[in-house]
Amino acid sequence: MSHSVPPVNTLTLVGYLTSDPVLRTLSHDRKVCDMRIAVHDKRDPSPMFLDIATFGAQAEACAQYLTKGRAIAFTGRLVYREWEAEDGTRRSKHQAVGRVQFGPQPRGEHEPSQDTDEALL
């Protein structure tokens, strides 16, 4: 790779939520919504599972309106976290943080109002 090309950490995913989103409150009342999605590749029938997160007002909207099985599009960046578990062992994981765009509703579910959708963007 040439040294004149700057490194880029951009990730775009389209997949389905594998569970309901989980809303947490961080310090200073900052909200984060943790989600897990399954992403399929045309060449490999096995899905890849990824942890993603979004923050602030979008985190609250994701927790309120998204449920397991919902299609979403995600754009963000990959981050690496390390922490110490309660049992004293060191843990680490890669996670994507960024913005979520809601996909189509599964049949029979209520769609939020247009005003709500615009507030998410």
PDB file of N, CA and C in Angstrom:
ATOM      1  N   MET A   1       0.835  -1.176   0.000  1.00  0.00           N
ATOM      2  CA  MET A   1       0.000   0.000   0.000  1.00  0.00           C
ATOM      3  C   MET A   1       0.880   1.239   0.000  1.00  0.00           C
ATOM      4  N   SER A   2       0.524   2.186  -0.780  1.00  0.00           N
ATOM      5  CA  SER A   2       1.277   3.432  -0.872  1.00  0.00           C
ATOM      6  C   SER A   2       1.116   4.259   0.399  1.00  0.00           C
ATOM      7  N   HIS A   3       2.178   4.946   0.802  1.00  0.00           N
ATOM      8  CA  HIS A   3       2.120   5.799   1.982  1.00  0.00           C
ATOM      9  C   HIS A   3       1.338   7.078   1.711  1.00  0.00           C
ATOM     10  N   SER A   4       1.041   7.382   0.451  1.00  0.00           N
ATOM     11  CA  SER A   4       0.297   8.592   0.135  1.00  0.00           C
ATOM     12  C   SER A   4      -1.209   8.401   0.297  1.00  0.00           C
ATOM     13  N   VAL A   5      -1.666   7.161   0.468  1.00  0.00           N
ATOM     14  CA  VAL A   5      -3.089   6.888   0.644  1.00  0.00           C
ATOM     15  C   VAL A   5      -3.387   6.829   2.139  1.00  0.00           C
ATOM     16  N   PRO A   6      -4.268   7.718   2.634  1.00  0.00           N
ATOM     17  CA  PRO A   6      -4.560   7.702   4.072  1.00  0.00           C
ATOM     18  C   PRO A   6      -5.407   6.478   4.432  1.00  0.00           C
ATOM     19  N   PRO A   7      -5.224   5.941   5.638  1.00  0.00           N
ATOM     20  CA  PRO A   7      -6.046   4.814   6.068  1.00  0.00           C
ATOM     21  C   PRO A   7      -7.496   5.259   6.279  1.00  0.00           C
ATOM     22  N   VAL A   8      -8.434   4.393   5.953  1.00  0.00           N
ATOM     23  CA  VAL A   8      -9.853   4.702   6.086  1.00  0.00           C
ATOM     24  C   VAL A   8     -10.512   3.597   6.897  1.00  0.00           C
ATOM     25  N   ASN A   9     -11.298   3.977   7.870  1.00  0.00           N
ATOM     26  CA  ASN A   9     -12.032   3.024   8.694  1.00  0.00           C
ATOM     27  C   ASN A   9     -13.514   3.308   8.512  1.00  0.00           C
ATOM     28  N   THR A  10     -14.092   2.792   7.429  1.00  0.00           N
ATOM     29  CA  THR A  10     -15.500   2.982   7.128  1.00  0.00           C
ATOM     30  C   THR A  10     -16.136   1.631   6.866  1.00  0.00           C
ATOM     31  N   LEU A  11     -17.308   1.436   7.450  1.00  0.00           N
ATOM     32  CA  LEU A  11     -17.994   0.162   7.360  1.00  0.00           C
ATOM     33  C   LEU A  11     -19.448   0.415   6.984  1.00  0.00           C
ATOM     34  N   THR A  12     -19.953  -0.292   5.977  1.00  0.00           N
ATOM     35  CA  THR A  12     -21.352  -0.223   5.595  1.00  0.00           C
ATOM     36  C   THR A  12     -21.903  -1.639   5.576  1.00  0.00           C
ATOM     37  N   LEU A  13     -22.984  -1.860   6.327  1.00  0.00           N
ATOM     38  CA  LEU A  13     -23.569  -3.184   6.460  1.00  0.00           C
ATOM     39  C   LEU A  13     -25.075  -3.117   6.256  1.00  0.00           C
ATOM     40  N   VAL A  14     -25.645  -4.177   5.704  1.00  0.00           N
ATOM     41  CA  VAL A  14     -27.096  -4.334   5.638  1.00  0.00           C
ATOM     42  C   VAL A  14     -27.374  -5.731   6.165  1.00  0.00           C
ATOM     43  N   GLY A  15     -28.232  -5.812   7.170  1.00  0.00           N
ATOM     44  CA  GLY A  15     -28.509  -7.106   7.769  1.00  0.00           C
ATOM     45  C   GLY A  15     -29.775  -7.081   8.587  1.00  0.00           C
ATOM     46  N   TYR A  16     -29.946  -8.117   9.393  1.00  0.00           N
ATOM     47  CA  TYR A  16     -31.149  -8.292  10.207  1.00  0.00           C
ATOM     48  C   TYR A  16     -30.759  -8.390  11.675  1.00  0.00           C
ATOM     49  N   LEU A  17     -31.542  -7.735  12.544  1.00  0.00           N
ATOM     50  CA  LEU A  17     -31.281  -7.804  13.978  1.00  0.00           C
ATOM     51  C   LEU A  17     -31.510  -9.219  14.484  1.00  0.00           C
ATOM     52  N   THR A  18     -30.577  -9.723  15.276  1.00  0.00           N
ATOM     53  CA  THR A  18     -30.699 -11.082  15.813  1.00  0.00           C
ATOM     54  C   THR A  18     -31.383 -11.099  17.174  1.00  0.00           C
ATOM     55  N   SER A  19     -31.579  -9.931  17.772  1.00  0.00           N
ATOM     56  CA  SER A  19     -32.281  -9.809  19.051  1.00  0.00           C
ATOM     57  C   SER A  19     -32.790  -8.373  19.176  1.00  0.00           C
ATOM     58  N   ASP A  20     -33.600  -8.127  20.167  1.00  0.00           N
ATOM     59  CA  ASP A  20     -34.084  -6.767  20.394  1.00  0.00           C
ATOM     60  C   ASP A  20     -32.920  -5.875  20.831  1.00  0.00           C
ATOM     61  N   PRO A  21     -32.923  -4.605  20.423  1.00  0.00           N
ATOM     62  CA  PRO A  21     -31.871  -3.675  20.843  1.00  0.00           C
ATOM     63  C   PRO A  21     -31.885  -3.468  22.364  1.00  0.00           C
ATOM     64  N   VAL A  22     -30.704  -3.153  22.912  1.00  0.00           N
ATOM     65  CA  VAL A  22     -30.565  -2.911  24.350  1.00  0.00           C
ATOM     66  C   VAL A  22     -30.076  -1.478  24.545  1.00  0.00           C
ATOM     67  N   LEU A  23     -30.871  -0.684  25.257  1.00  0.00           N
ATOM     68  CA  LEU A  23     -30.520   0.711  25.530  1.00  0.00           C
ATOM     69  C   LEU A  23     -29.838   0.800  26.889  1.00  0.00           C
ATOM     70  N   ARG A  24     -28.686   1.481  26.930  1.00  0.00           N
ATOM     71  CA  ARG A  24     -27.944   1.703  28.177  1.00  0.00           C
ATOM     72  C   ARG A  24     -27.675   3.187  28.331  1.00  0.00           C
ATOM     73  N   THR A  25     -27.452   3.602  29.573  1.00  0.00           N
ATOM     74  CA  THR A  25     -27.084   4.989  29.850  1.00  0.00           C
ATOM     75  C   THR A  25     -25.638   5.018  30.325  1.00  0.00           C
ATOM     76  N   LEU A  26     -24.819   5.817  29.649  1.00  0.00           N
ATOM     77  CA  LEU A  26     -23.417   6.006  30.017  1.00  0.00           C
ATOM     78  C   LEU A  26     -23.307   7.215  30.930  1.00  0.00           C
ATOM     79  N   SER A  27     -22.096   7.586  31.281  1.00  0.00           N
ATOM     80  CA  SER A  27     -21.900   8.759  32.123  1.00  0.00           C
ATOM     81  C   SER A  27     -22.451  10.014  31.442  1.00  0.00           C
ATOM     82  N   HIS A  28     -22.835  10.971  32.244  1.00  0.00           N
ATOM     83  CA  HIS A  28     -23.391  12.239  31.775  1.00  0.00           C
ATOM     84  C   HIS A  28     -24.689  12.035  31.003  1.00  0.00           C
ATOM     85  N   ASP A  29     -25.457  10.994  31.339  1.00  0.00           N
ATOM     86  CA  ASP A  29     -26.767  10.697  30.735  1.00  0.00           C
ATOM     87  C   ASP A  29     -26.713  10.430  29.232  1.00  0.00           C
ATOM     88  N   ARG A  30     -25.563  10.063  28.713  1.00  0.00           N
ATOM     89  CA  ARG A  30     -25.430   9.737  27.285  1.00  0.00           C
ATOM     90  C   ARG A  30     -25.990   8.342  27.043  1.00  0.00           C
ATOM     91  N   LYS A  31     -26.859   8.202  26.030  1.00  0.00           N
ATOM     92  CA  LYS A  31     -27.509   6.934  25.713  1.00  0.00           C
ATOM     93  C   LYS A  31     -26.743   6.198  24.623  1.00  0.00           C
ATOM     94  N   VAL A  32     -26.676   4.865  24.763  1.00  0.00           N
ATOM     95  CA  VAL A  32     -26.092   4.009  23.731  1.00  0.00           C
ATOM     96  C   VAL A  32     -27.038   2.829  23.536  1.00  0.00           C
ATOM     97  N   CYS A  33     -27.228   2.445  22.291  1.00  0.00           N
ATOM     98  CA  CYS A  33     -28.061   1.292  21.960  1.00  0.00           C
ATOM     99  C   CYS A  33     -27.166   0.226  21.333  1.00  0.00           C
ATOM    100  N   ASP A  34     -27.096  -0.929  21.989  1.00  0.00           N
ATOM    101  CA  ASP A  34     -26.303  -2.053  21.501  1.00  0.00           C
ATOM    102  C   ASP A  34     -27.207  -2.994  20.710  1.00  0.00           C
ATOM    103  N   MET A  35     -26.727  -3.417  19.547  1.00  0.00           N
ATOM    104  CA  MET A  35     -27.482  -4.326  18.690  1.00  0.00           C
ATOM    105  C   MET A  35     -26.546  -5.366  18.103  1.00  0.00           C
ATOM    106  N   ARG A  36     -27.107  -6.454  17.649  1.00  0.00           N
ATOM    107  CA  ARG A  36     -26.340  -7.508  16.971  1.00  0.00           C
ATOM    108  C   ARG A  36     -27.080  -7.809  15.677  1.00  0.00           C
ATOM    109  N   ILE A  37     -26.331  -7.823  14.559  1.00  0.00           N
ATOM    110  CA  ILE A  37     -26.961  -8.098  13.269  1.00  0.00           C
ATOM    111  C   ILE A  37     -26.308  -9.301  12.594  1.00  0.00           C
ATOM    112  N   ALA A  38     -27.102  -9.931  11.755  1.00  0.00           N
ATOM    113  CA  ALA A  38     -26.618 -11.022  10.907  1.00  0.00           C
ATOM    114  C   ALA A  38     -26.518 -10.460   9.498  1.00  0.00           C
ATOM    115  N   VAL A  39     -25.353 -10.628   8.884  1.00  0.00           N
ATOM    116  CA  VAL A  39     -25.100 -10.147   7.524  1.00  0.00           C
ATOM    117  C   VAL A  39     -24.799 -11.361   6.656  1.00  0.00           C
ATOM    118  N   HIS A  40     -25.463 -11.446   5.523  1.00  0.00           N
ATOM    119  CA  HIS A  40     -25.280 -12.586   4.620  1.00  0.00           C
ATOM    120  C   HIS A  40     -24.439 -12.173   3.417  1.00  0.00           C
ATOM    121  N   ASP A  41     -23.612 -13.085   2.948  1.00  0.00           N
ATOM    122  CA  ASP A  41     -22.792 -12.887   1.763  1.00  0.00           C
ATOM    123  C   ASP A  41     -23.302 -13.854   0.699  1.00  0.00           C
ATOM    124  N   LYS A  42     -23.446 -13.395  -0.518  1.00  0.00           N
ATOM    125  CA  LYS A  42     -23.963 -14.249  -1.603  1.00  0.00           C
ATOM    126  C   LYS A  42     -23.119 -15.502  -1.808  1.00  0.00           C
ATOM    127  N   ARG A  43     -21.819 -15.406  -1.547  1.00  0.00           N
ATOM    128  CA  ARG A  43     -20.924 -16.546  -1.778  1.00  0.00           C
ATOM    129  C   ARG A  43     -20.894 -17.528  -0.622  1.00  0.00           C
ATOM    130  N   ASP A  44     -21.309 -17.095   0.567  1.00  0.00           N
ATOM    131  CA  ASP A  44     -21.249 -17.951   1.754  1.00  0.00           C
ATOM    132  C   ASP A  44     -22.623 -17.973   2.414  1.00  0.00           C
ATOM    133  N   PRO A  45     -23.283 -19.118   2.466  1.00  0.00           N
ATOM    134  CA  PRO A  45     -24.632 -19.165   3.034  1.00  0.00           C
ATOM    135  C   PRO A  45     -24.669 -18.940   4.551  1.00  0.00           C
ATOM    136  N   SER A  46     -23.539 -19.079   5.231  1.00  0.00           N
ATOM    137  CA  SER A  46     -23.506 -18.864   6.679  1.00  0.00           C
ATOM    138  C   SER A  46     -23.466 -17.366   6.973  1.00  0.00           C
ATOM    139  N   PRO A  47     -24.343 -16.874   7.863  1.00  0.00           N
ATOM    140  CA  PRO A  47     -24.311 -15.440   8.187  1.00  0.00           C
ATOM    141  C   PRO A  47     -23.108 -15.089   9.050  1.00  0.00           C
ATOM    142  N   MET A  48     -22.709 -13.827   8.993  1.00  0.00           N
ATOM    143  CA  MET A  48     -21.678 -13.292   9.870  1.00  0.00           C
ATOM    144  C   MET A  48     -22.417 -12.429  10.899  1.00  0.00           C
ATOM    145  N   PHE A  49     -22.097 -12.590  12.175  1.00  0.00           N
ATOM    146  CA  PHE A  49     -22.767 -11.854  13.244  1.00  0.00           C
ATOM    147  C   PHE A  49     -21.850 -10.741  13.727  1.00  0.00           C
ATOM    148  N   LEU A  50     -22.400  -9.523  13.820  1.00  0.00           N
ATOM    149  CA  LEU A  50     -21.607  -8.360  14.207  1.00  0.00           C
ATOM    150  C   LEU A  50     -22.330  -7.553  15.279  1.00  0.00           C
ATOM    151  N   ASP A  51     -21.558  -7.035  16.243  1.00  0.00           N
ATOM    152  CA  ASP A  51     -22.088  -6.141  17.265  1.00  0.00           C
ATOM    153  C   ASP A  51     -21.960  -4.712  16.759  1.00  0.00           C
ATOM    154  N   ILE A  52     -23.050  -3.945  16.867  1.00  0.00           N
ATOM    155  CA  ILE A  52     -23.039  -2.549  16.453  1.00  0.00           C
ATOM    156  C   ILE A  52     -23.641  -1.697  17.569  1.00  0.00           C
ATOM    157  N   ALA A  53     -23.356  -0.401  17.535  1.00  0.00           N
ATOM    158  CA  ALA A  53     -23.909   0.516  18.533  1.00  0.00           C
ATOM    159  C   ALA A  53     -24.144   1.877  17.894  1.00  0.00           C
ATOM    160  N   THR A  54     -25.137   2.569  18.414  1.00  0.00           N
ATOM    161  CA  THR A  54     -25.416   3.938  18.015  1.00  0.00           C
ATOM    162  C   THR A  54     -25.695   4.738  19.280  1.00  0.00           C
ATOM    163  N   PHE A  55     -25.586   6.062  19.216  1.00  0.00           N
ATOM    164  CA  PHE A  55     -25.631   6.896  20.406  1.00  0.00           C
ATOM    165  C   PHE A  55     -26.688   7.988  20.314  1.00  0.00           C
ATOM    166  N   GLY A  56     -26.997   8.594  21.469  1.00  0.00           N
ATOM    167  CA  GLY A  56     -27.864   9.757  21.546  1.00  0.00           C
ATOM    168  C   GLY A  56     -29.319   9.479  21.208  1.00  0.00           C
ATOM    169  N   ALA A  57     -29.934  10.447  20.521  1.00  0.00           N
ATOM    170  CA  ALA A  57     -31.349  10.343  20.167  1.00  0.00           C
ATOM    171  C   ALA A  57     -31.604   9.138  19.256  1.00  0.00           C
ATOM    172  N   GLN A  58     -30.650   8.835  18.384  1.00  0.00           N
ATOM    173  CA  GLN A  58     -30.840   7.682  17.517  1.00  0.00           C
ATOM    174  C   GLN A  58     -30.840   6.388  18.325  1.00  0.00           C
ATOM    175  N   ALA A  59     -30.043   6.303  19.371  1.00  0.00           N
ATOM    176  CA  ALA A  59     -30.030   5.127  20.235  1.00  0.00           C
ATOM    177  C   ALA A  59     -31.402   4.916  20.860  1.00  0.00           C
ATOM    178  N   GLU A  60     -32.015   5.991  21.338  1.00  0.00           N
ATOM    179  CA  GLU A  60     -33.342   5.902  21.943  1.00  0.00           C
ATOM    180  C   GLU A  60     -34.384   5.469  20.921  1.00  0.00           C
ATOM    181  N   ALA A  61     -34.311   5.998  19.708  1.00  0.00           N
ATOM    182  CA  ALA A  61     -35.270   5.637  18.664  1.00  0.00           C
ATOM    183  C   ALA A  61     -35.108   4.168  18.256  1.00  0.00           C
ATOM    184  N   CYS A  62     -33.870   3.697  18.152  1.00  0.00           N
ATOM    185  CA  CYS A  62     -33.633   2.287  17.803  1.00  0.00           C
ATOM    186  C   CYS A  62     -34.230   1.366  18.861  1.00  0.00           C
ATOM    187  N   ALA A  63     -34.011   1.704  20.138  1.00  0.00           N
ATOM    188  CA  ALA A  63     -34.542   0.884  21.226  1.00  0.00           C
ATOM    189  C   ALA A  63     -36.068   0.881  21.229  1.00  0.00           C
ATOM    190  N   GLN A  64     -36.668   2.003  20.836  1.00  0.00           N
ATOM    191  CA  GLN A  64     -38.120   2.118  20.856  1.00  0.00           C
ATOM    192  C   GLN A  64     -38.782   1.422  19.664  1.00  0.00           C
ATOM    193  N   TYR A  65     -38.206   1.525  18.470  1.00  0.00           N
ATOM    194  CA  TYR A  65     -38.901   1.089  17.264  1.00  0.00           C
ATOM    195  C   TYR A  65     -38.372  -0.190  16.621  1.00  0.00           C
ATOM    196  N   LEU A  66     -37.151  -0.600  16.933  1.00  0.00           N
ATOM    197  CA  LEU A  66     -36.601  -1.786  16.286  1.00  0.00           C
ATOM    198  C   LEU A  66     -36.786  -3.023  17.157  1.00  0.00           C
ATOM    199  N   THR A  67     -36.983  -4.162  16.510  1.00  0.00           N
ATOM    200  CA  THR A  67     -37.122  -5.437  17.203  1.00  0.00           C
ATOM    201  C   THR A  67     -36.379  -6.517  16.428  1.00  0.00           C
ATOM    202  N   LYS A  68     -36.208  -7.654  17.064  1.00  0.00           N
ATOM    203  CA  LYS A  68     -35.546  -8.800  16.440  1.00  0.00           C
ATOM    204  C   LYS A  68     -36.174  -9.093  15.076  1.00  0.00           C
ATOM    205  N   GLY A  69     -35.307  -9.343  14.081  1.00  0.00           N
ATOM    206  CA  GLY A  69     -35.766  -9.676  12.736  1.00  0.00           C
ATOM    207  C   GLY A  69     -35.877  -8.501  11.794  1.00  0.00           C
ATOM    208  N   ARG A  70     -35.787  -7.280  12.312  1.00  0.00           N
ATOM    209  CA  ARG A  70     -35.930  -6.079  11.490  1.00  0.00           C
ATOM    210  C   ARG A  70     -34.682  -5.868  10.634  1.00  0.00           C
ATOM    211  N   ALA A  71     -34.872  -5.518   9.367  1.00  0.00           N
ATOM    212  CA  ALA A  71     -33.763  -5.190   8.474  1.00  0.00           C
ATOM    213  C   ALA A  71     -33.284  -3.775   8.785  1.00  0.00           C
ATOM    214  N   ILE A  72     -31.955  -3.601   8.794  1.00  0.00           N
ATOM    215  CA  ILE A  72     -31.375  -2.273   8.995  1.00  0.00           C
ATOM    216  C   ILE A  72     -30.170  -2.106   8.076  1.00  0.00           C
ATOM    217  N   ALA A  73     -29.844  -0.853   7.806  1.00  0.00           N
ATOM    218  CA  ALA A  73     -28.595  -0.502   7.132  1.00  0.00           C
ATOM    219  C   ALA A  73     -27.765   0.266   8.158  1.00  0.00           C
ATOM    220  N   PHE A  74     -26.475   0.013   8.174  1.00  0.00           N
ATOM    221  CA  PHE A  74     -25.578   0.615   9.158  1.00  0.00           C
ATOM    222  C   PHE A  74     -24.377   1.203   8.441  1.00  0.00           C
ATOM    223  N   THR A  75     -23.987   2.400   8.834  1.00  0.00           N
ATOM    224  CA  THR A  75     -22.764   3.028   8.336  1.00  0.00           C
ATOM    225  C   THR A  75     -21.989   3.548   9.539  1.00  0.00           C
ATOM    226  N   GLY A  76     -20.730   3.165   9.625  1.00  0.00           N
ATOM    227  CA  GLY A  76     -19.940   3.613  10.761  1.00  0.00           C
ATOM    228  C   GLY A  76     -18.493   3.210  10.630  1.00  0.00           C
ATOM    229  N   ARG A  77     -17.881   2.934  11.782  1.00  0.00           N
ATOM    230  CA  ARG A  77     -16.475   2.565  11.809  1.00  0.00           C
ATOM    231  C   ARG A  77     -16.280   1.420  12.800  1.00  0.00           C
ATOM    232  N   LEU A  78     -15.222   0.689  12.613  1.00  0.00           N
ATOM    233  CA  LEU A  78     -14.888  -0.430  13.475  1.00  0.00           C
ATOM    234  C   LEU A  78     -14.019   0.059  14.625  1.00  0.00           C
ATOM    235  N   VAL A  79     -14.342  -0.343  15.855  1.00  0.00           N
ATOM    236  CA  VAL A  79     -13.553   0.032  17.030  1.00  0.00           C
ATOM    237  C   VAL A  79     -13.165  -1.232  17.795  1.00  0.00           C
ATOM    238  N   TYR A  80     -12.106  -1.124  18.582  1.00  0.00           N
ATOM    239  CA  TYR A  80     -11.620  -2.236  19.393  1.00  0.00           C
ATOM    240  C   TYR A  80     -11.714  -1.825  20.852  1.00  0.00           C
ATOM    241  N   ARG A  81     -12.355  -2.663  21.680  1.00  0.00           N
ATOM    242  CA  ARG A  81     -12.507  -2.358  23.104  1.00  0.00           C
ATOM    243  C   ARG A  81     -11.850  -3.445  23.941  1.00  0.00           C
ATOM    244  N   GLU A  82     -11.272  -3.042  25.064  1.00  0.00           N
ATOM    245  CA  GLU A  82     -10.727  -3.972  26.049  1.00  0.00           C
ATOM    246  C   GLU A  82     -11.279  -3.582  27.411  1.00  0.00           C
ATOM    247  N   TRP A  83     -11.543  -4.581  28.280  1.00  0.00           N
ATOM    248  CA  TRP A  83     -12.021  -4.334  29.620  1.00  0.00           C
ATOM    249  C   TRP A  83     -11.689  -5.532  30.508  1.00  0.00           C
ATOM    250  N   GLU A  84     -11.868  -5.305  31.798  1.00  0.00           N
ATOM    251  CA  GLU A  84     -11.664  -6.381  32.761  1.00  0.00           C
ATOM    252  C   GLU A  84     -13.027  -6.865  33.230  1.00  0.00           C
ATOM    253  N   ALA A  85     -13.272  -8.168  33.104  1.00  0.00           N
ATOM    254  CA  ALA A  85     -14.542  -8.757  33.512  1.00  0.00           C
ATOM    255  C   ALA A  85     -14.606  -8.847  35.035  1.00  0.00           C
ATOM    256  N   GLU A  86     -15.804  -9.130  35.553  1.00  0.00           N
ATOM    257  CA  GLU A  86     -15.989  -9.229  37.001  1.00  0.00           C
ATOM    258  C   GLU A  86     -15.116 -10.314  37.625  1.00  0.00           C
ATOM    259  N   ASP A  87     -14.804 -11.363  36.858  1.00  0.00           N
ATOM    260  CA  ASP A  87     -13.963 -12.443  37.394  1.00  0.00           C
ATOM    261  C   ASP A  87     -12.467 -12.128  37.292  1.00  0.00           C
ATOM    262  N   GLY A  88     -12.122 -10.919  36.826  1.00  0.00           N
ATOM    263  CA  GLY A  88     -10.732 -10.488  36.759  1.00  0.00           C
ATOM    264  C   GLY A  88     -10.026 -10.783  35.445  1.00  0.00           C
ATOM    265  N   THR A  89     -10.678 -11.500  34.536  1.00  0.00           N
ATOM    266  CA  THR A  89     -10.051 -11.811  33.248  1.00  0.00           C
ATOM    267  C   THR A  89     -10.162 -10.613  32.308  1.00  0.00           C
ATOM    268  N   ARG A  90      -9.177 -10.513  31.420  1.00  0.00           N
ATOM    269  CA  ARG A  90      -9.191  -9.438  30.414  1.00  0.00           C
ATOM    270  C   ARG A  90     -10.056  -9.887  29.249  1.00  0.00           C
ATOM    271  N   ARG A  91     -10.899  -9.004  28.760  1.00  0.00           N
ATOM    272  CA  ARG A  91     -11.772  -9.287  27.626  1.00  0.00           C
ATOM    273  C   ARG A  91     -11.547  -8.228  26.557  1.00  0.00           C
ATOM    274  N   SER A  92     -11.870  -8.589  25.327  1.00  0.00           N
ATOM    275  CA  SER A  92     -11.762  -7.638  24.225  1.00  0.00           C
ATOM    276  C   SER A  92     -12.731  -8.039  23.128  1.00  0.00           C
ATOM    277  N   LYS A  93     -13.083  -7.059  22.289  1.00  0.00           N
ATOM    278  CA  LYS A  93     -13.920  -7.355  21.127  1.00  0.00           C
ATOM    279  C   LYS A  93     -13.861  -6.195  20.145  1.00  0.00           C
ATOM    280  N   HIS A  94     -14.159  -6.526  18.900  1.00  0.00           N
ATOM    281  CA  HIS A  94     -14.359  -5.513  17.871  1.00  0.00           C
ATOM    282  C   HIS A  94     -15.850  -5.216  17.815  1.00  0.00           C
ATOM    283  N   GLN A  95     -16.184  -3.957  17.613  1.00  0.00           N
ATOM    284  CA  GLN A  95     -17.569  -3.521  17.523  1.00  0.00           C
ATOM    285  C   GLN A  95     -17.624  -2.373  16.535  1.00  0.00           C
ATOM    286  N   ALA A  96     -18.744  -2.237  15.860  1.00  0.00           N
ATOM    287  CA  ALA A  96     -18.936  -1.122  14.938  1.00  0.00           C
ATOM    288  C   ALA A  96     -19.808  -0.070  15.610  1.00  0.00           C
ATOM    289  N   VAL A  97     -19.431   1.197  15.478  1.00  0.00           N
ATOM    290  CA  VAL A  97     -20.231   2.299  16.002  1.00  0.00           C
ATOM    291  C   VAL A  97     -20.564   3.232  14.850  1.00  0.00           C
ATOM    292  N   GLY A  98     -21.799   3.731  14.848  1.00  0.00           N
ATOM    293  CA  GLY A  98     -22.195   4.620  13.759  1.00  0.00           C
ATOM    294  C   GLY A  98     -23.681   4.900  13.744  1.00  0.00           C
ATOM    295  N   ARG A  99     -24.216   5.047  12.538  1.00  0.00           N
ATOM    296  CA  ARG A  99     -25.615   5.438  12.310  1.00  0.00           C
ATOM    297  C   ARG A  99     -26.400   4.278  11.724  1.00  0.00           C
ATOM    298  N   VAL A 100     -27.681   4.203  12.088  1.00  0.00           N
ATOM    299  CA  VAL A 100     -28.568   3.146  11.629  1.00  0.00           C
ATOM    300  C   VAL A 100     -29.692   3.747  10.808  1.00  0.00           C
ATOM    301  N   GLN A 101     -30.009   3.082   9.711  1.00  0.00           N
ATOM    302  CA  GLN A 101     -31.185   3.448   8.916  1.00  0.00           C
ATOM    303  C   GLN A 101     -32.145   2.269   8.979  1.00  0.00           C
ATOM    304  N   PHE A 102     -33.384   2.548   9.332  1.00  0.00           N
ATOM    305  CA  PHE A 102     -34.382   1.494   9.466  1.00  0.00           C
ATOM    306  C   PHE A 102     -34.720   0.914   8.108  1.00  0.00           C
ATOM    307  N   GLY A 103     -34.827  -0.403   8.036  1.00  0.00           N
ATOM    308  CA  GLY A 103     -35.268  -1.090   6.824  1.00  0.00           C
ATOM    309  C   GLY A 103     -36.777  -1.264   6.846  1.00  0.00           C
ATOM    310  N   PRO A 104     -37.319  -1.985   5.862  1.00  0.00           N
ATOM    311  CA  PRO A 104     -38.766  -2.173   5.816  1.00  0.00           C
ATOM    312  C   PRO A 104     -39.275  -2.954   7.028  1.00  0.00           C
ATOM    313  N   GLN A 105     -40.516  -2.657   7.403  1.00  0.00           N
ATOM    314  CA  GLN A 105     -41.173  -3.353   8.503  1.00  0.00           C
ATOM    315  C   GLN A 105     -41.524  -4.776   8.105  1.00  0.00           C
ATOM    316  N   PRO A 106     -41.359  -5.743   9.005  1.00  0.00           N
ATOM    317  CA  PRO A 106     -41.929  -7.062   8.738  1.00  0.00           C
ATOM    318  C   PRO A 106     -43.453  -6.934   8.649  1.00  0.00           C
ATOM    319  N   ARG A 107     -44.091  -7.790   7.909  1.00  0.00           N
ATOM    320  CA  ARG A 107     -45.558  -7.717   7.728  1.00  0.00           C
ATOM    321  C   ARG A 107     -46.277  -7.701   9.071  1.00  0.00           C
ATOM    322  N   GLY A 108     -47.286  -6.818   9.153  1.00  0.00           N
ATOM    323  CA  GLY A 108     -48.125  -6.770  10.338  1.00  0.00           C
ATOM    324  C   GLY A 108     -47.640  -5.861  11.453  1.00  0.00           C
ATOM    325  N   GLU A 109     -46.461  -5.265  11.335  1.00  0.00           N
ATOM    326  CA  GLU A 109     -45.977  -4.371  12.388  1.00  0.00           C
ATOM    327  C   GLU A 109     -46.358  -2.939  12.074  1.00  0.00           C
ATOM    328  N   HIS A 110     -46.554  -2.140  13.126  1.00  0.00           N
ATOM    329  CA  HIS A 110     -46.933  -0.740  12.986  1.00  0.00           C
ATOM    330  C   HIS A 110     -45.711   0.103  12.640  1.00  0.00           C
ATOM    331  N   GLU A 111     -45.855   0.950  11.637  1.00  0.00           N
ATOM    332  CA  GLU A 111     -44.772   1.849  11.208  1.00  0.00           C
ATOM    333  C   GLU A 111     -44.881   3.146  11.997  1.00  0.00           C
ATOM    334  N   PRO A 112     -43.774   3.677  12.575  1.00  0.00           N
ATOM    335  CA  PRO A 112     -43.838   4.967  13.266  1.00  0.00           C
ATOM    336  C   PRO A 112     -44.211   6.085  12.294  1.00  0.00           C
ATOM    337  N   SER A 113     -44.660   7.207  12.851  1.00  0.00           N
ATOM    338  CA  SER A 113     -45.085   8.326  12.016  1.00  0.00           C
ATOM    339  C   SER A 113     -43.918   8.885  11.208  1.00  0.00           C
ATOM    340  N   GLN A 114     -44.215   9.602  10.146  1.00  0.00           N
ATOM    341  CA  GLN A 114     -43.198  10.195   9.283  1.00  0.00           C
ATOM    342  C   GLN A 114     -42.305  11.149  10.059  1.00  0.00           C
ATOM    343  N   ASP A 115     -42.891  11.928  11.015  1.00  0.00           N
ATOM    344  CA  ASP A 115     -42.101  12.852  11.821  1.00  0.00           C
ATOM    345  C   ASP A 115     -41.022  12.117  12.596  1.00  0.00           C
ATOM    346  N   THR A 116     -41.346  10.948  13.127  1.00  0.00           N
ATOM    347  CA  THR A 116     -40.373  10.151  13.881  1.00  0.00           C
ATOM    348  C   THR A 116     -39.252   9.684  12.974  1.00  0.00           C
ATOM    349  N   ASP A 117     -39.581   9.204  11.750  1.00  0.00           N
ATOM    350  CA  ASP A 117     -38.556   8.739  10.829  1.00  0.00           C
ATOM    351  C   ASP A 117     -37.578   9.862  10.482  1.00  0.00           C
ATOM    352  N   GLU A 118     -38.091  11.052  10.258  1.00  0.00           N
ATOM    353  CA  GLU A 118     -37.212  12.159   9.895  1.00  0.00           C
ATOM    354  C   GLU A 118     -36.285  12.532  11.049  1.00  0.00           C
ATOM    355  N   ALA A 119     -36.745  12.369  12.280  1.00  0.00           N
ATOM    356  CA  ALA A 119     -35.917  12.722  13.443  1.00  0.00           C
ATOM    357  C   ALA A 119     -34.730  11.763  13.575  1.00  0.00           C
ATOM    358  N   LEU A 120     -34.825  10.580  12.978  1.00  0.00           N
ATOM    359  CA  LEU A 120     -33.757   9.601  13.106  1.00  0.00           C
ATOM    360  C   LEU A 120     -32.596   9.869  12.188  1.00  0.00           C
ATOM    361  N   LEU A 121     -32.791  10.628  11.161  1.00  0.00           N
ATOM    362  CA  LEU A 121     -31.731  10.836  10.162  1.00  0.00           C
ATOM    363  C   LEU A 121     -30.718  11.829  10.597  1.00  0.00           C
TER     364      LEU A 121
END
